[in-house]
Amino acid sequence: MQKDWLSFDEQLELLAGRGMCIEDECTAVQVLSCVSYYRLSGYFR
């Protein structure tokens, strides 16, 4: 199964839609660029 590429903004929308509280979107994008969506999303499990 191949997943579509998502920009950092789209990844933030996905995380917010799954319940993550995002207070500062600019900082959240910076964190995603360093940490990655998949590593961060693991904390939801």
PDB file of N, CA and C in Angstrom:
ATOM      1  N   MET A   1       0.838  -1.177   0.000  1.00  0.00           N
ATOM      2  CA  MET A   1       0.000   0.000   0.000  1.00  0.00           C
ATOM      3  C   MET A   1       0.883   1.240   0.000  1.00  0.00           C
ATOM      4  N   GLN A   2       0.696   2.083  -0.951  1.00  0.00           N
ATOM      5  CA  GLN A   2       1.492   3.304  -1.058  1.00  0.00           C
ATOM      6  C   GLN A   2       0.696   4.475  -0.496  1.00  0.00           C
ATOM      7  N   LYS A   3       1.336   5.263   0.362  1.00  0.00           N
ATOM      8  CA  LYS A   3       0.673   6.418   0.961  1.00  0.00           C
ATOM      9  C   LYS A   3       1.050   7.673   0.197  1.00  0.00           C
ATOM     10  N   ASP A   4       0.096   8.605   0.126  1.00  0.00           N
ATOM     11  CA  ASP A   4       0.349   9.870  -0.539  1.00  0.00           C
ATOM     12  C   ASP A   4       1.244  10.753   0.314  1.00  0.00           C
ATOM     13  N   TRP A   5       2.070  11.560  -0.344  1.00  0.00           N
ATOM     14  CA  TRP A   5       2.946  12.506   0.330  1.00  0.00           C
ATOM     15  C   TRP A   5       2.106  13.650   0.884  1.00  0.00           C
ATOM     16  N   LEU A   6       2.384  14.065   2.121  1.00  0.00           N
ATOM     17  CA  LEU A   6       1.676  15.182   2.739  1.00  0.00           C
ATOM     18  C   LEU A   6       2.674  16.260   3.149  1.00  0.00           C
ATOM     19  N   SER A   7       2.306  17.506   2.918  1.00  0.00           N
ATOM     20  CA  SER A   7       3.154  18.610   3.366  1.00  0.00           C
ATOM     21  C   SER A   7       3.073  18.705   4.888  1.00  0.00           C
ATOM     22  N   PHE A   8       3.924  19.515   5.489  1.00  0.00           N
ATOM     23  CA  PHE A   8       3.890  19.674   6.942  1.00  0.00           C
ATOM     24  C   PHE A   8       2.547  20.240   7.401  1.00  0.00           C
ATOM     25  N   ASP A   9       1.997  21.176   6.651  1.00  0.00           N
ATOM     26  CA  ASP A   9       0.693  21.741   7.002  1.00  0.00           C
ATOM     27  C   ASP A   9      -0.398  20.672   6.949  1.00  0.00           C
ATOM     28  N   GLU A  10      -0.350  19.816   5.948  1.00  0.00           N
ATOM     29  CA  GLU A  10      -1.330  18.739   5.835  1.00  0.00           C
ATOM     30  C   GLU A  10      -1.151  17.711   6.949  1.00  0.00           C
ATOM     31  N   GLN A  11       0.093  17.454   7.331  1.00  0.00           N
ATOM     32  CA  GLN A  11       0.356  16.548   8.439  1.00  0.00           C
ATOM     33  C   GLN A  11      -0.208  17.117   9.744  1.00  0.00           C
ATOM     34  N   LEU A  12      -0.058  18.427   9.938  1.00  0.00           N
ATOM     35  CA  LEU A  12      -0.629  19.080  11.125  1.00  0.00           C
ATOM     36  C   LEU A  12      -2.139  18.947  11.148  1.00  0.00           C
ATOM     37  N   GLU A  13      -2.775  19.153  10.007  1.00  0.00           N
ATOM     38  CA  GLU A  13      -4.222  19.001   9.923  1.00  0.00           C
ATOM     39  C   GLU A  13      -4.638  17.577  10.286  1.00  0.00           C
ATOM     40  N   LEU A  14      -3.874  16.614   9.823  1.00  0.00           N
ATOM     41  CA  LEU A  14      -4.167  15.213  10.116  1.00  0.00           C
ATOM     42  C   LEU A  14      -4.037  14.936  11.612  1.00  0.00           C
ATOM     43  N   LEU A  15      -2.960  15.432  12.224  1.00  0.00           N
ATOM     44  CA  LEU A  15      -2.768  15.242  13.662  1.00  0.00           C
ATOM     45  C   LEU A  15      -3.871  15.930  14.466  1.00  0.00           C
ATOM     46  N   ALA A  16      -4.244  17.134  14.072  1.00  0.00           N
ATOM     47  CA  ALA A  16      -5.318  17.856  14.762  1.00  0.00           C
ATOM     48  C   ALA A  16      -6.638  17.114  14.621  1.00  0.00           C
ATOM     49  N   GLY A  17      -6.881  16.568  13.455  1.00  0.00           N
ATOM     50  CA  GLY A  17      -8.092  15.797  13.227  1.00  0.00           C
ATOM     51  C   GLY A  17      -8.153  14.526  14.040  1.00  0.00           C
ATOM     52  N   ARG A  18      -6.993  14.059  14.479  1.00  0.00           N
ATOM     53  CA  ARG A  18      -6.927  12.843  15.296  1.00  0.00           C
ATOM     54  C   ARG A  18      -6.835  13.157  16.786  1.00  0.00           C
ATOM     55  N   GLY A  19      -7.040  14.444  17.129  1.00  0.00           N
ATOM     56  CA  GLY A  19      -7.147  14.788  18.545  1.00  0.00           C
ATOM     57  C   GLY A  19      -5.985  15.538  19.162  1.00  0.00           C
ATOM     58  N   MET A  20      -4.924  15.813  18.419  1.00  0.00           N
ATOM     59  CA  MET A  20      -3.792  16.527  18.995  1.00  0.00           C
ATOM     60  C   MET A  20      -4.137  18.015  19.134  1.00  0.00           C
ATOM     61  N   CYS A  21      -3.849  18.573  20.305  1.00  0.00           N
ATOM     62  CA  CYS A  21      -4.065  19.997  20.553  1.00  0.00           C
ATOM     63  C   CYS A  21      -2.826  20.757  20.081  1.00  0.00           C
ATOM     64  N   ILE A  22      -3.002  21.642  19.114  1.00  0.00           N
ATOM     65  CA  ILE A  22      -1.886  22.401  18.548  1.00  0.00           C
ATOM     66  C   ILE A  22      -2.116  23.874  18.853  1.00  0.00           C
ATOM     67  N   GLU A  23      -1.286  24.430  19.742  1.00  0.00           N
ATOM     68  CA  GLU A  23      -1.441  25.830  20.138  1.00  0.00           C
ATOM     69  C   GLU A  23      -0.691  26.776  19.214  1.00  0.00           C
ATOM     70  N   ASP A  24       0.492  26.373  18.755  1.00  0.00           N
ATOM     71  CA  ASP A  24       1.321  27.229  17.912  1.00  0.00           C
ATOM     72  C   ASP A  24       1.685  26.458  16.647  1.00  0.00           C
ATOM     73  N   GLU A  25       1.010  26.765  15.562  1.00  0.00           N
ATOM     74  CA  GLU A  25       1.201  26.009  14.319  1.00  0.00           C
ATOM     75  C   GLU A  25       2.602  26.176  13.742  1.00  0.00           C
ATOM     76  N   CYS A  26       3.176  27.356  13.884  1.00  0.00           N
ATOM     77  CA  CYS A  26       4.522  27.607  13.355  1.00  0.00           C
ATOM     78  C   CYS A  26       5.555  26.711  14.054  1.00  0.00           C
ATOM     79  N   THR A  27       5.477  26.646  15.366  1.00  0.00           N
ATOM     80  CA  THR A  27       6.397  25.787  16.124  1.00  0.00           C
ATOM     81  C   THR A  27       6.136  24.321  15.812  1.00  0.00           C
ATOM     82  N   ALA A  28       4.866  23.963  15.655  1.00  0.00           N
ATOM     83  CA  ALA A  28       4.521  22.574  15.348  1.00  0.00           C
ATOM     84  C   ALA A  28       5.113  22.152  14.009  1.00  0.00           C
ATOM     85  N   VAL A  29       5.107  23.031  13.019  1.00  0.00           N
ATOM     86  CA  VAL A  29       5.706  22.717  11.716  1.00  0.00           C
ATOM     87  C   VAL A  29       7.209  22.518  11.865  1.00  0.00           C
ATOM     88  N   GLN A  30       7.852  23.346  12.676  1.00  0.00           N
ATOM     89  CA  GLN A  30       9.292  23.198  12.904  1.00  0.00           C
ATOM     90  C   GLN A  30       9.608  21.862  13.566  1.00  0.00           C
ATOM     91  N   VAL A  31       8.787  21.474  14.537  1.00  0.00           N
ATOM     92  CA  VAL A  31       8.993  20.189  15.214  1.00  0.00           C
ATOM     93  C   VAL A  31       8.804  19.040  14.226  1.00  0.00           C
ATOM     94  N   LEU A  32       7.763  19.105  13.411  1.00  0.00           N
ATOM     95  CA  LEU A  32       7.537  18.053  12.414  1.00  0.00           C
ATOM     96  C   LEU A  32       8.697  17.937  11.438  1.00  0.00           C
ATOM     97  N   SER A  33       9.297  19.054  11.074  1.00  0.00           N
ATOM     98  CA  SER A  33      10.407  19.011  10.124  1.00  0.00           C
ATOM     99  C   SER A  33      11.637  18.344  10.724  1.00  0.00           C
ATOM    100  N   CYS A  34      11.757  18.366  12.043  1.00  0.00           N
ATOM    101  CA  CYS A  34      12.915  17.745  12.714  1.00  0.00           C
ATOM    102  C   CYS A  34      12.625  16.323  13.176  1.00  0.00           C
ATOM    103  N   VAL A  35      11.413  16.082  13.644  1.00  0.00           N
ATOM    104  CA  VAL A  35      11.086  14.815  14.292  1.00  0.00           C
ATOM    105  C   VAL A  35      10.448  13.828  13.332  1.00  0.00           C
ATOM    106  N   SER A  36       9.564  14.260  12.497  1.00  0.00           N
ATOM    107  CA  SER A  36       8.794  13.498  11.512  1.00  0.00           C
ATOM    108  C   SER A  36       7.440  13.075  12.065  1.00  0.00           C
ATOM    109  N   TYR A  37       6.485  13.020  11.190  1.00  0.00           N
ATOM    110  CA  TYR A  37       5.109  12.669  11.539  1.00  0.00           C
ATOM    111  C   TYR A  37       5.037  11.280  12.159  1.00  0.00           C
ATOM    112  N   TYR A  38       5.715  10.316  11.556  1.00  0.00           N
ATOM    113  CA  TYR A  38       5.571   8.925  12.010  1.00  0.00           C
ATOM    114  C   TYR A  38       6.135   8.718  13.391  1.00  0.00           C
ATOM    115  N   ARG A  39       7.227   9.372  13.700  1.00  0.00           N
ATOM    116  CA  ARG A  39       7.784   9.256  15.050  1.00  0.00           C
ATOM    117  C   ARG A  39       6.871   9.935  16.061  1.00  0.00           C
ATOM    118  N   LEU A  40       6.343  11.096  15.718  1.00  0.00           N
ATOM    119  CA  LEU A  40       5.453  11.835  16.619  1.00  0.00           C
ATOM    120  C   LEU A  40       4.123  11.105  16.795  1.00  0.00           C
ATOM    121  N   SER A  41       3.575  10.568  15.740  1.00  0.00           N
ATOM    122  CA  SER A  41       2.266   9.920  15.818  1.00  0.00           C
ATOM    123  C   SER A  41       2.306   8.644  16.661  1.00  0.00           C
ATOM    124  N   GLY A  42       3.477   8.075  16.856  1.00  0.00           N
ATOM    125  CA  GLY A  42       3.608   6.890  17.694  1.00  0.00           C
ATOM    126  C   GLY A  42       3.211   7.130  19.133  1.00  0.00           C
ATOM    127  N   TYR A  43       3.258   8.359  19.596  1.00  0.00           N
ATOM    128  CA  TYR A  43       2.887   8.686  20.969  1.00  0.00           C
ATOM    129  C   TYR A  43       1.373   8.610  21.176  1.00  0.00           C
ATOM    130  N   PHE A  44       0.598   8.528  20.118  1.00  0.00           N
ATOM    131  CA  PHE A  44      -0.850   8.416  20.245  1.00  0.00           C
ATOM    132  C   PHE A  44      -1.303   6.986  20.518  1.00  0.00           C
ATOM    133  N   ARG A  45      -0.412   6.046  20.377  1.00  0.00           N
ATOM    134  CA  ARG A  45      -0.790   4.630  20.564  1.00  0.00           C
ATOM    135  C   ARG A  45      -0.714   4.209  22.000  1.00  0.00           C
TER     136      ARG A  45
END
